[in-house]
């Protein structure tokens, strides 16, 4: 899947990410991936649910991948952060 169909969820309001996903689907994307790490995971889930239930009823969750990523902190030690990828697919 091309990288331009990926939405990285951070600290912005949920509707910003919903707008990005809806825009990509309206521009012809068949699949959009929502990615998040750590505390942003709940925002990513909210984004997927708002897209599916309020805006594009023909979008379904294709698959969900969860995992752990190791990040280096400023001190040099590594910390483990949970991550999620939600693959949304439009049924046209």
PDB file of N, CA and C in Angstrom:
ATOM      1  N   UNK A   1       0.845  -1.186   0.000  1.00  0.00           N
ATOM      2  CA  UNK A   1       0.000   0.000   0.000  1.00  0.00           C
ATOM      3  C   UNK A   1       0.883   1.240   0.000  1.00  0.00           C
ATOM      4  N   UNK A   2       0.522   2.241  -0.788  1.00  0.00           N
ATOM      5  CA  UNK A   2       1.335   3.464  -0.803  1.00  0.00           C
ATOM      6  C   UNK A   2       1.307   4.182   0.544  1.00  0.00           C
ATOM      7  N   UNK A   3       2.420   4.835   0.858  1.00  0.00           N
ATOM      8  CA  UNK A   3       2.551   5.543   2.141  1.00  0.00           C
ATOM      9  C   UNK A   3       1.597   6.717   2.255  1.00  0.00           C
ATOM     10  N   UNK A   4       1.097   7.256   1.135  1.00  0.00           N
ATOM     11  CA  UNK A   4       0.241   8.440   1.225  1.00  0.00           C
ATOM     12  C   UNK A   4      -1.161   8.102   1.715  1.00  0.00           C
ATOM     13  N   UNK A   5      -1.494   6.827   1.852  1.00  0.00           N
ATOM     14  CA  UNK A   5      -2.791   6.439   2.406  1.00  0.00           C
ATOM     15  C   UNK A   5      -2.671   6.073   3.872  1.00  0.00           C
ATOM     16  N   UNK A   6      -1.658   6.613   4.547  1.00  0.00           N
ATOM     17  CA  UNK A   6      -1.428   6.348   5.967  1.00  0.00           C
ATOM     18  C   UNK A   6      -1.649   7.635   6.746  1.00  0.00           C
ATOM     19  N   UNK A   7      -2.411   7.537   7.830  1.00  0.00           N
ATOM     20  CA  UNK A   7      -2.659   8.671   8.707  1.00  0.00           C
ATOM     21  C   UNK A   7      -1.999   8.360  10.043  1.00  0.00           C
ATOM     22  N   UNK A   8      -1.064   9.208  10.435  1.00  0.00           N
ATOM     23  CA  UNK A   8      -0.381   9.046  11.715  1.00  0.00           C
ATOM     24  C   UNK A   8      -1.111   9.886  12.760  1.00  0.00           C
ATOM     25  N   UNK A   9      -1.642   9.228  13.782  1.00  0.00           N
ATOM     26  CA  UNK A   9      -2.440   9.907  14.799  1.00  0.00           C
ATOM     27  C   UNK A   9      -1.521  10.371  15.919  1.00  0.00           C
ATOM     28  N   UNK A  10      -1.694  11.643  16.287  1.00  0.00           N
ATOM     29  CA  UNK A  10      -0.897  12.229  17.367  1.00  0.00           C
ATOM     30  C   UNK A  10      -1.792  12.905  18.383  1.00  0.00           C
ATOM     31  N   UNK A  11      -1.503  14.171  18.687  1.00  0.00           N
ATOM     32  CA  UNK A  11      -2.212  14.880  19.754  1.00  0.00           C
ATOM     33  C   UNK A  11      -3.300  15.830  19.283  1.00  0.00           C
ATOM     34  N   UNK A  12      -3.550  15.883  17.991  1.00  0.00           N
ATOM     35  CA  UNK A  12      -4.592  16.776  17.482  1.00  0.00           C
ATOM     36  C   UNK A  12      -5.974  16.202  17.802  1.00  0.00           C
ATOM     37  N   UNK A  13      -7.019  17.015  17.665  1.00  0.00           N
ATOM     38  CA  UNK A  13      -8.380  16.500  17.892  1.00  0.00           C
ATOM     39  C   UNK A  13      -8.745  15.398  16.896  1.00  0.00           C
ATOM     40  N   UNK A  14      -9.624  14.503  17.319  1.00  0.00           N
ATOM     41  CA  UNK A  14     -10.021  13.352  16.505  1.00  0.00           C
ATOM     42  C   UNK A  14     -10.550  13.790  15.144  1.00  0.00           C
ATOM     43  N   UNK A  15     -11.321  14.861  15.104  1.00  0.00           N
ATOM     44  CA  UNK A  15     -11.946  15.272  13.839  1.00  0.00           C
ATOM     45  C   UNK A  15     -10.914  15.654  12.782  1.00  0.00           C
ATOM     46  N   UNK A  16      -9.730  16.082  13.184  1.00  0.00           N
ATOM     47  CA  UNK A  16      -8.678  16.367  12.195  1.00  0.00           C
ATOM     48  C   UNK A  16      -8.302  15.098  11.434  1.00  0.00           C
ATOM     49  N   UNK A  17      -8.178  13.985  12.154  1.00  0.00           N
ATOM     50  CA  UNK A  17      -7.803  12.713  11.531  1.00  0.00           C
ATOM     51  C   UNK A  17      -8.966  12.120  10.747  1.00  0.00           C
ATOM     52  N   UNK A  18     -10.193  12.325  11.250  1.00  0.00           N
ATOM     53  CA  UNK A  18     -11.382  11.868  10.529  1.00  0.00           C
ATOM     54  C   UNK A  18     -11.454  12.578   9.178  1.00  0.00           C
ATOM     55  N   UNK A  19     -11.246  13.886   9.169  1.00  0.00           N
ATOM     56  CA  UNK A  19     -11.267  14.655   7.929  1.00  0.00           C
ATOM     57  C   UNK A  19     -10.208  14.148   6.949  1.00  0.00           C
ATOM     58  N   UNK A  20      -9.025  13.839   7.455  1.00  0.00           N
ATOM     59  CA  UNK A  20      -7.957  13.323   6.596  1.00  0.00           C
ATOM     60  C   UNK A  20      -8.359  11.988   5.971  1.00  0.00           C
ATOM     61  N   UNK A  21      -8.963  11.103   6.759  1.00  0.00           N
ATOM     62  CA  UNK A  21      -9.371   9.796   6.247  1.00  0.00           C
ATOM     63  C   UNK A  21     -10.494   9.932   5.214  1.00  0.00           C
ATOM     64  N   UNK A  22     -11.499  10.731   5.534  1.00  0.00           N
ATOM     65  CA  UNK A  22     -12.629  10.918   4.617  1.00  0.00           C
ATOM     66  C   UNK A  22     -12.147  11.545   3.313  1.00  0.00           C
ATOM     67  N   UNK A  23     -11.230  12.498   3.406  1.00  0.00           N
ATOM     68  CA  UNK A  23     -10.673  13.136   2.214  1.00  0.00           C
ATOM     69  C   UNK A  23      -9.964  12.115   1.332  1.00  0.00           C
ATOM     70  N   UNK A  24      -9.163  11.234   1.944  1.00  0.00           N
ATOM     71  CA  UNK A  24      -8.453  10.231   1.146  1.00  0.00           C
ATOM     72  C   UNK A  24      -9.422   9.280   0.459  1.00  0.00           C
ATOM     73  N   UNK A  25     -10.456   8.851   1.181  1.00  0.00           N
ATOM     74  CA  UNK A  25     -11.450   7.979   0.543  1.00  0.00           C
ATOM     75  C   UNK A  25     -12.168   8.710  -0.590  1.00  0.00           C
ATOM     76  N   UNK A  26     -12.512   9.973  -0.398  1.00  0.00           N
ATOM     77  CA  UNK A  26     -13.213  10.731  -1.438  1.00  0.00           C
ATOM     78  C   UNK A  26     -12.337  11.001  -2.654  1.00  0.00           C
ATOM     79  N   UNK A  27     -11.010  10.963  -2.477  1.00  0.00           N
ATOM     80  CA  UNK A  27     -10.096  11.142  -3.607  1.00  0.00           C
ATOM     81  C   UNK A  27      -9.826   9.830  -4.328  1.00  0.00           C
ATOM     82  N   UNK A  28     -10.514   8.766  -3.927  1.00  0.00           N
ATOM     83  CA  UNK A  28     -10.420   7.505  -4.660  1.00  0.00           C
ATOM     84  C   UNK A  28      -9.634   6.402  -3.987  1.00  0.00           C
ATOM     85  N   UNK A  29      -9.145   6.616  -2.780  1.00  0.00           N
ATOM     86  CA  UNK A  29      -8.394   5.562  -2.095  1.00  0.00           C
ATOM     87  C   UNK A  29      -9.326   4.414  -1.740  1.00  0.00           C
ATOM     88  N   UNK A  30      -8.873   3.186  -1.970  1.00  0.00           N
ATOM     89  CA  UNK A  30      -9.658   2.008  -1.609  1.00  0.00           C
ATOM     90  C   UNK A  30      -9.383   1.593  -0.162  1.00  0.00           C
ATOM     91  N   UNK A  31      -8.156   1.887   0.314  1.00  0.00           N
ATOM     92  CA  UNK A  31      -7.765   1.550   1.682  1.00  0.00           C
ATOM     93  C   UNK A  31      -7.057   2.731   2.320  1.00  0.00           C
ATOM     94  N   UNK A  32      -7.286   2.910   3.621  1.00  0.00           N
ATOM     95  CA  UNK A  32      -6.591   3.919   4.405  1.00  0.00           C
ATOM     96  C   UNK A  32      -6.134   3.245   5.694  1.00  0.00           C
ATOM     97  N   UNK A  33      -4.893   3.502   6.091  1.00  0.00           N
ATOM     98  CA  UNK A  33      -4.355   2.936   7.323  1.00  0.00           C
ATOM     99  C   UNK A  33      -4.211   4.036   8.363  1.00  0.00           C
ATOM    100  N   UNK A  34      -4.699   3.763   9.554  1.00  0.00           N
ATOM    101  CA  UNK A  34      -4.567   4.695  10.675  1.00  0.00           C
ATOM    102  C   UNK A  34      -3.550   4.093  11.628  1.00  0.00           C
ATOM    103  N   UNK A  35      -2.468   4.828  11.896  1.00  0.00           N
ATOM    104  CA  UNK A  35      -1.399   4.336  12.764  1.00  0.00           C
ATOM    105  C   UNK A  35      -1.261   5.235  13.987  1.00  0.00           C
ATOM    106  N   UNK A  36      -0.961   4.603  15.134  1.00  0.00           N
ATOM    107  CA  UNK A  36      -0.761   5.384  16.355  1.00  0.00           C
ATOM    108  C   UNK A  36       0.132   4.593  17.309  1.00  0.00           C
ATOM    109  N   UNK A  37       0.743   5.343  18.242  1.00  0.00           N
ATOM    110  CA  UNK A  37       1.571   4.734  19.285  1.00  0.00           C
ATOM    111  C   UNK A  37       1.181   5.310  20.638  1.00  0.00           C
ATOM    112  N   UNK A  38       1.347   4.512  21.664  1.00  0.00           N
ATOM    113  CA  UNK A  38       1.190   4.985  23.036  1.00  0.00           C
ATOM    114  C   UNK A  38      -0.186   5.538  23.337  1.00  0.00           C
ATOM    115  N   UNK A  39      -0.205   6.728  23.907  1.00  0.00           N
ATOM    116  CA  UNK A  39      -1.460   7.340  24.350  1.00  0.00           C
ATOM    117  C   UNK A  39      -2.377   7.736  23.206  1.00  0.00           C
ATOM    118  N   UNK A  40      -1.853   7.787  21.992  1.00  0.00           N
ATOM    119  CA  UNK A  40      -2.674   8.165  20.837  1.00  0.00           C
ATOM    120  C   UNK A  40      -3.502   7.000  20.302  1.00  0.00           C
ATOM    121  N   UNK A  41      -3.315   5.803  20.842  1.00  0.00           N
ATOM    122  CA  UNK A  41      -4.041   4.626  20.344  1.00  0.00           C
ATOM    123  C   UNK A  41      -5.550   4.822  20.476  1.00  0.00           C
ATOM    124  N   UNK A  42      -6.007   5.337  21.610  1.00  0.00           N
ATOM    125  CA  UNK A  42      -7.455   5.520  21.780  1.00  0.00           C
ATOM    126  C   UNK A  42      -7.995   6.537  20.777  1.00  0.00           C
ATOM    127  N   UNK A  43      -7.196   7.535  20.445  1.00  0.00           N
ATOM    128  CA  UNK A  43      -7.614   8.527  19.453  1.00  0.00           C
ATOM    129  C   UNK A  43      -7.711   7.886  18.070  1.00  0.00           C
ATOM    130  N   UNK A  44      -6.824   6.946  17.769  1.00  0.00           N
ATOM    131  CA  UNK A  44      -6.869   6.239  16.483  1.00  0.00           C
ATOM    132  C   UNK A  44      -8.127   5.380  16.385  1.00  0.00           C
ATOM    133  N   UNK A  45      -8.476   4.705  17.473  1.00  0.00           N
ATOM    134  CA  UNK A  45      -9.697   3.890  17.488  1.00  0.00           C
ATOM    135  C   UNK A  45     -10.918   4.788  17.320  1.00  0.00           C
ATOM    136  N   UNK A  46     -10.936   5.920  18.024  1.00  0.00           N
ATOM    137  CA  UNK A  46     -12.045   6.876  17.879  1.00  0.00           C
ATOM    138  C   UNK A  46     -12.159   7.351  16.433  1.00  0.00           C
ATOM    139  N   UNK A  47     -11.024   7.630  15.812  1.00  0.00           N
ATOM    140  CA  UNK A  47     -11.016   8.092  14.419  1.00  0.00           C
ATOM    141  C   UNK A  47     -11.658   7.056  13.505  1.00  0.00           C
ATOM    142  N   UNK A  48     -11.243   5.802  13.638  1.00  0.00           N
ATOM    143  CA  UNK A  48     -11.793   4.739  12.786  1.00  0.00           C
ATOM    144  C   UNK A  48     -13.292   4.591  12.999  1.00  0.00           C
ATOM    145  N   UNK A  49     -13.740   4.660  14.240  1.00  0.00           N
ATOM    146  CA  UNK A  49     -15.161   4.486  14.533  1.00  0.00           C
ATOM    147  C   UNK A  49     -15.992   5.658  14.020  1.00  0.00           C
ATOM    148  N   UNK A  50     -15.493   6.876  14.133  1.00  0.00           N
ATOM    149  CA  UNK A  50     -16.240   8.034  13.627  1.00  0.00           C
ATOM    150  C   UNK A  50     -16.339   7.972  12.100  1.00  0.00           C
ATOM    151  N   UNK A  51     -15.245   7.586  11.441  1.00  0.00           N
ATOM    152  CA  UNK A  51     -15.276   7.466   9.976  1.00  0.00           C
ATOM    153  C   UNK A  51     -16.333   6.432   9.575  1.00  0.00           C
ATOM    154  N   UNK A  52     -16.340   5.277  10.220  1.00  0.00           N
ATOM    155  CA  UNK A  52     -17.256   4.181   9.863  1.00  0.00           C
ATOM    156  C   UNK A  52     -18.710   4.470  10.209  1.00  0.00           C
ATOM    157  N   UNK A  53     -18.951   5.069  11.362  1.00  0.00           N
ATOM    158  CA  UNK A  53     -20.325   5.182  11.856  1.00  0.00           C
ATOM    159  C   UNK A  53     -21.006   6.513  11.557  1.00  0.00           C
ATOM    160  N   UNK A  54     -20.240   7.568  11.308  1.00  0.00           N
ATOM    161  CA  UNK A  54     -20.864   8.881  11.105  1.00  0.00           C
ATOM    162  C   UNK A  54     -20.692   9.435   9.693  1.00  0.00           C
ATOM    163  N   UNK A  55     -19.642   9.032   8.991  1.00  0.00           N
ATOM    164  CA  UNK A  55     -19.366   9.648   7.694  1.00  0.00           C
ATOM    165  C   UNK A  55     -19.484   8.680   6.522  1.00  0.00           C
ATOM    166  N   UNK A  56     -18.767   7.589   6.544  1.00  0.00           N
ATOM    167  CA  UNK A  56     -18.750   6.656   5.414  1.00  0.00           C
ATOM    168  C   UNK A  56     -19.204   5.280   5.890  1.00  0.00           C
ATOM    169  N   UNK A  57     -20.489   5.015   5.751  1.00  0.00           N
ATOM    170  CA  UNK A  57     -21.031   3.753   6.246  1.00  0.00           C
ATOM    171  C   UNK A  57     -20.564   2.539   5.440  1.00  0.00           C
ATOM    172  N   UNK A  58     -20.021   2.763   4.242  1.00  0.00           N
ATOM    173  CA  UNK A  58     -19.547   1.639   3.423  1.00  0.00           C
ATOM    174  C   UNK A  58     -18.088   1.292   3.697  1.00  0.00           C
ATOM    175  N   UNK A  59     -17.487   1.901   4.702  1.00  0.00           N
ATOM    176  CA  UNK A  59     -16.104   1.591   5.088  1.00  0.00           C
ATOM    177  C   UNK A  59     -16.134   0.556   6.204  1.00  0.00           C
ATOM    178  N   UNK A  60     -15.285  -0.472   6.060  1.00  0.00           N
ATOM    179  CA  UNK A  60     -15.180  -1.504   7.097  1.00  0.00           C
ATOM    180  C   UNK A  60     -13.740  -1.621   7.564  1.00  0.00           C
ATOM    181  N   UNK A  61     -13.574  -2.244   8.718  1.00  0.00           N
ATOM    182  CA  UNK A  61     -12.226  -2.510   9.223  1.00  0.00           C
ATOM    183  C   UNK A  61     -11.746  -3.790   8.573  1.00  0.00           C
ATOM    184  N   UNK A  62     -10.690  -3.689   7.787  1.00  0.00           N
ATOM    185  CA  UNK A  62     -10.135  -4.840   7.089  1.00  0.00           C
ATOM    186  C   UNK A  62      -9.345  -5.709   8.067  1.00  0.00           C
ATOM    187  N   UNK A  63      -8.423  -5.089   8.800  1.00  0.00           N
ATOM    188  CA  UNK A  63      -7.673  -5.808   9.832  1.00  0.00           C
ATOM    189  C   UNK A  63      -7.068  -4.812  10.799  1.00  0.00           C
ATOM    190  N   UNK A  64      -6.656  -5.319  11.940  1.00  0.00           N
ATOM    191  CA  UNK A  64      -6.018  -4.508  12.966  1.00  0.00           C
ATOM    192  C   UNK A  64      -4.741  -5.219  13.391  1.00  0.00           C
ATOM    193  N   UNK A  65      -3.635  -4.475  13.419  1.00  0.00           N
ATOM    194  CA  UNK A  65      -2.371  -5.038  13.894  1.00  0.00           C
ATOM    195  C   UNK A  65      -1.936  -4.263  15.125  1.00  0.00           C
ATOM    196  N   UNK A  66      -1.567  -5.019  16.165  1.00  0.00           N
ATOM    197  CA  UNK A  66      -1.028  -4.382  17.357  1.00  0.00           C
ATOM    198  C   UNK A  66       0.387  -4.883  17.570  1.00  0.00           C
ATOM    199  N   UNK A  67       1.193  -4.087  18.241  1.00  0.00           N
ATOM    200  CA  UNK A  67       2.571  -4.487  18.480  1.00  0.00           C
ATOM    201  C   UNK A  67       3.243  -3.576  19.483  1.00  0.00           C
ATOM    202  N   UNK A  68       4.533  -3.808  19.633  1.00  0.00           N
ATOM    203  CA  UNK A  68       5.356  -3.013  20.538  1.00  0.00           C
ATOM    204  C   UNK A  68       6.565  -2.522  19.764  1.00  0.00           C
ATOM    205  N   UNK A  69       6.872  -1.235  19.926  1.00  0.00           N
ATOM    206  CA  UNK A  69       8.055  -0.658  19.286  1.00  0.00           C
ATOM    207  C   UNK A  69       9.011  -0.180  20.361  1.00  0.00           C
ATOM    208  N   UNK A  70      10.292  -0.355  20.100  1.00  0.00           N
ATOM    209  CA  UNK A  70      11.298   0.136  21.039  1.00  0.00           C
ATOM    210  C   UNK A  70      11.806   1.483  20.573  1.00  0.00           C
ATOM    211  N   UNK A  71      11.746   2.454  21.457  1.00  0.00           N
ATOM    212  CA  UNK A  71      12.217   3.802  21.154  1.00  0.00           C
ATOM    213  C   UNK A  71      13.370   4.142  22.075  1.00  0.00           C
ATOM    214  N   UNK A  72      14.302   4.939  21.578  1.00  0.00           N
ATOM    215  CA  UNK A  72      15.415   5.404  22.405  1.00  0.00           C
ATOM    216  C   UNK A  72      15.017   6.707  23.073  1.00  0.00           C
ATOM    217  N   UNK A  73      15.226   6.783  24.372  1.00  0.00           N
ATOM    218  CA  UNK A  73      14.930   8.024  25.088  1.00  0.00           C
ATOM    219  C   UNK A  73      16.153   8.933  25.028  1.00  0.00           C
ATOM    220  N   UNK A  74      15.993  10.156  25.549  1.00  0.00           N
ATOM    221  CA  UNK A  74      17.105  11.114  25.526  1.00  0.00           C
ATOM    222  C   UNK A  74      18.289  10.619  26.349  1.00  0.00           C
ATOM    223  N   UNK A  75      18.004   9.827  27.364  1.00  0.00           N
ATOM    224  CA  UNK A  75      19.064   9.319  28.240  1.00  0.00           C
ATOM    225  C   UNK A  75      19.852   8.178  27.601  1.00  0.00           C
ATOM    226  N   UNK A  76      19.341   7.648  26.500  1.00  0.00           N
ATOM    227  CA  UNK A  76      20.052   6.581  25.816  1.00  0.00           C
ATOM    228  C   UNK A  76      19.466   5.202  26.050  1.00  0.00           C
ATOM    229  N   UNK A  77      18.600   5.068  27.057  1.00  0.00           N
ATOM    230  CA  UNK A  77      17.998   3.758  27.276  1.00  0.00           C
ATOM    231  C   UNK A  77      16.768   3.602  26.379  1.00  0.00           C
ATOM    232  N   UNK A  78      16.319   2.358  26.197  1.00  0.00           N
ATOM    233  CA  UNK A  78      15.192   2.125  25.303  1.00  0.00           C
ATOM    234  C   UNK A  78      13.917   1.898  26.111  1.00  0.00           C
ATOM    235  N   UNK A  79      12.831   2.422  25.573  1.00  0.00           N
ATOM    236  CA  UNK A  79      11.530   2.216  26.191  1.00  0.00           C
ATOM    237  C   UNK A  79      10.622   1.540  25.171  1.00  0.00           C
ATOM    238  N   UNK A  80       9.706   0.731  25.661  1.00  0.00           N
ATOM    239  CA  UNK A  80       8.790   0.020  24.779  1.00  0.00           C
ATOM    240  C   UNK A  80       7.453   0.745  24.764  1.00  0.00           C
ATOM    241  N   UNK A  81       6.934   0.944  23.548  1.00  0.00           N
ATOM    242  CA  UNK A  81       5.683   1.673  23.358  1.00  0.00           C
ATOM    243  C   UNK A  81       4.756   0.802  22.519  1.00  0.00           C
ATOM    244  N   UNK A  82       3.510   0.686  22.954  1.00  0.00           N
ATOM    245  CA  UNK A  82       2.518  -0.064  22.187  1.00  0.00           C
ATOM    246  C   UNK A  82       2.164   0.683  20.912  1.00  0.00           C
ATOM    247  N   UNK A  83       1.806  -0.066  19.876  1.00  0.00           N
ATOM    248  CA  UNK A  83       1.407   0.565  18.613  1.00  0.00           C
ATOM    249  C   UNK A  83       0.217  -0.179  18.025  1.00  0.00           C
ATOM    250  N   UNK A  84      -0.519   0.533  17.180  1.00  0.00           N
ATOM    251  CA  UNK A  84      -1.680  -0.071  16.504  1.00  0.00           C
ATOM    252  C   UNK A  84      -1.736   0.443  15.078  1.00  0.00           C
ATOM    253  N   UNK A  85      -2.184  -0.444  14.180  1.00  0.00           N
ATOM    254  CA  UNK A  85      -2.477  -0.070  12.798  1.00  0.00           C
ATOM    255  C   UNK A  85      -3.882  -0.575  12.500  1.00  0.00           C
ATOM    256  N   UNK A  86      -4.739   0.333  12.069  1.00  0.00           N
ATOM    257  CA  UNK A  86      -6.107  -0.018  11.719  1.00  0.00           C
ATOM    258  C   UNK A  86      -6.257   0.178  10.219  1.00  0.00           C
ATOM    259  N   UNK A  87      -6.554  -0.905   9.516  1.00  0.00           N
ATOM    260  CA  UNK A  87      -6.686  -0.865   8.062  1.00  0.00           C
ATOM    261  C   UNK A  87      -8.163  -0.754   7.701  1.00  0.00           C
ATOM    262  N   UNK A  88      -8.541   0.402   7.149  1.00  0.00           N
ATOM    263  CA  UNK A  88      -9.913   0.627   6.720  1.00  0.00           C
ATOM    264  C   UNK A  88     -10.027   0.386   5.219  1.00  0.00           C
ATOM    265  N   UNK A  89     -11.108  -0.255   4.822  1.00  0.00           N
ATOM    266  CA  UNK A  89     -11.320  -0.592   3.403  1.00  0.00           C
ATOM    267  C   UNK A  89     -12.697  -0.112   3.003  1.00  0.00           C
ATOM    268  N   UNK A  90     -12.763   0.479   1.821  1.00  0.00           N
ATOM    269  CA  UNK A  90     -14.062   0.940   1.297  1.00  0.00           C
ATOM    270  C   UNK A  90     -14.655  -0.134   0.407  1.00  0.00           C
ATOM    271  N   UNK A  91     -15.875  -0.514   0.714  1.00  0.00           N
ATOM    272  CA  UNK A  91     -16.587  -1.529  -0.078  1.00  0.00           C
ATOM    273  C   UNK A  91     -17.429  -0.828  -1.131  1.00  0.00           C
ATOM    274  N   UNK A  92     -16.858  -0.740  -2.319  1.00  0.00           N
ATOM    275  CA  UNK A  92     -17.543  -0.016  -3.399  1.00  0.00           C
ATOM    276  C   UNK A  92     -18.211  -0.995  -4.330  1.00  0.00           C
TER     277      UNK A  92
END
